[in-house]
């Protein structure tokens, strides 16, 4: 039972990490787009 709960917990944490990494990458892409826009302006 404890091992099962631990497995669920690990899975939840890894999915959270993946979501965080994806949102950070998206924010970096947005920032790069803004910088590119300013350079063209």
N, C-alpha and C. Protein backbone atom coordinates (compact mmCIF):
# COMPACT_ATOMS: atom_id res chain seq x y z
N UNK A 1 0.83 -1.21 0.00
CA UNK A 1 0.00 0.00 0.00
C UNK A 1 0.87 1.26 0.00
N UNK A 2 1.87 1.27 0.87
CA UNK A 2 2.74 2.44 0.95
C UNK A 2 3.52 2.62 -0.36
N UNK A 3 3.96 1.50 -0.92
CA UNK A 3 4.71 1.57 -2.18
C UNK A 3 3.81 2.10 -3.29
N UNK A 4 2.55 1.69 -3.27
CA UNK A 4 1.60 2.15 -4.29
C UNK A 4 1.37 3.66 -4.18
N UNK A 5 1.21 4.14 -2.95
CA UNK A 5 1.01 5.57 -2.73
C UNK A 5 2.25 6.35 -3.17
N UNK A 6 3.41 5.80 -2.87
CA UNK A 6 4.66 6.46 -3.25
C UNK A 6 4.76 6.56 -4.77
N UNK A 7 4.36 5.50 -5.46
CA UNK A 7 4.40 5.48 -6.92
C UNK A 7 3.48 6.56 -7.50
N UNK A 8 2.29 6.68 -6.95
CA UNK A 8 1.36 7.71 -7.40
C UNK A 8 1.94 9.10 -7.17
N UNK A 9 2.55 9.28 -6.00
CA UNK A 9 3.14 10.57 -5.63
C UNK A 9 4.26 10.95 -6.59
N UNK A 10 5.12 9.97 -6.91
CA UNK A 10 6.23 10.20 -7.83
C UNK A 10 5.70 10.58 -9.21
N UNK A 11 4.65 9.88 -9.63
CA UNK A 11 4.08 10.14 -10.95
C UNK A 11 3.50 11.55 -11.01
N UNK A 12 2.83 11.95 -9.92
CA UNK A 12 2.25 13.29 -9.87
C UNK A 12 3.33 14.35 -9.92
N UNK A 13 4.41 14.14 -9.18
CA UNK A 13 5.52 15.10 -9.17
C UNK A 13 6.18 15.20 -10.54
N UNK A 14 6.38 14.06 -11.20
CA UNK A 14 7.04 14.11 -12.50
C UNK A 14 6.17 14.82 -13.53
N UNK A 15 4.85 14.64 -13.46
CA UNK A 15 3.98 15.34 -14.40
C UNK A 15 3.98 16.84 -14.11
N UNK A 16 4.05 17.19 -12.83
CA UNK A 16 4.13 18.61 -12.46
C UNK A 16 5.43 19.24 -12.99
N UNK A 17 6.53 18.49 -12.87
CA UNK A 17 7.81 18.99 -13.37
C UNK A 17 7.76 19.19 -14.88
N UNK A 18 7.14 18.26 -15.58
CA UNK A 18 7.03 18.37 -17.04
C UNK A 18 6.20 19.59 -17.41
N UNK A 19 5.07 19.79 -16.70
CA UNK A 19 4.23 20.96 -16.98
C UNK A 19 4.99 22.25 -16.73
N UNK A 20 5.74 22.30 -15.63
CA UNK A 20 6.50 23.50 -15.30
C UNK A 20 7.55 23.79 -16.36
N UNK A 21 8.23 22.73 -16.80
CA UNK A 21 9.27 22.90 -17.82
C UNK A 21 8.66 23.40 -19.13
N UNK A 22 7.49 22.85 -19.49
CA UNK A 22 6.84 23.28 -20.73
C UNK A 22 6.38 24.73 -20.65
N UNK A 23 5.85 25.14 -19.49
CA UNK A 23 5.37 26.52 -19.37
C UNK A 23 6.56 27.48 -19.37
N UNK A 24 7.68 27.07 -18.76
CA UNK A 24 8.88 27.91 -18.79
C UNK A 24 9.39 28.07 -20.21
N UNK A 25 9.38 26.97 -20.97
CA UNK A 25 9.83 27.03 -22.36
C UNK A 25 8.92 27.95 -23.15
N UNK A 26 7.60 27.88 -22.91
CA UNK A 26 6.65 28.74 -23.61
C UNK A 26 6.91 30.20 -23.29
N UNK A 27 7.22 30.49 -22.01
CA UNK A 27 7.49 31.87 -21.61
C UNK A 27 8.76 32.37 -22.29
N UNK A 28 9.76 31.51 -22.41
CA UNK A 28 10.99 31.89 -23.10
C UNK A 28 10.72 32.18 -24.56
N UNK A 29 9.85 31.38 -25.18
CA UNK A 29 9.48 31.60 -26.58
C UNK A 29 8.76 32.94 -26.74
N UNK A 30 7.86 33.24 -25.80
CA UNK A 30 7.13 34.51 -25.85
C UNK A 30 8.12 35.67 -25.72
N UNK A 31 9.07 35.54 -24.80
CA UNK A 31 10.06 36.58 -24.57
C UNK A 31 10.93 36.79 -25.81
N UNK A 32 11.33 35.68 -26.44
CA UNK A 32 12.15 35.78 -27.65
C UNK A 32 11.36 36.46 -28.76
N UNK A 33 10.05 36.16 -28.84
CA UNK A 33 9.20 36.79 -29.84
C UNK A 33 9.09 38.29 -29.61
N UNK A 34 8.99 38.69 -28.35
CA UNK A 34 8.90 40.12 -28.01
C UNK A 34 10.20 40.83 -28.38
N UNK A 35 11.33 40.20 -28.05
CA UNK A 35 12.63 40.79 -28.37
C UNK A 35 12.79 40.93 -29.88
N UNK A 36 12.36 39.90 -30.62
CA UNK A 36 12.44 39.93 -32.09
C UNK A 36 11.57 41.07 -32.63
N UNK A 37 10.39 41.23 -32.05
CA UNK A 37 9.47 42.29 -32.49
C UNK A 37 10.08 43.67 -32.26
N UNK A 38 10.71 43.84 -31.08
CA UNK A 38 11.34 45.13 -30.76
C UNK A 38 12.49 45.41 -31.72
N UNK A 39 13.27 44.38 -32.05
CA UNK A 39 14.39 44.57 -32.98
C UNK A 39 13.89 45.00 -34.35
N UNK A 40 12.79 44.39 -34.81
CA UNK A 40 12.25 44.74 -36.12
C UNK A 40 11.63 46.12 -36.09
N UNK A 41 11.09 46.51 -34.95
CA UNK A 41 10.46 47.83 -34.79
C UNK A 41 11.56 48.89 -34.75
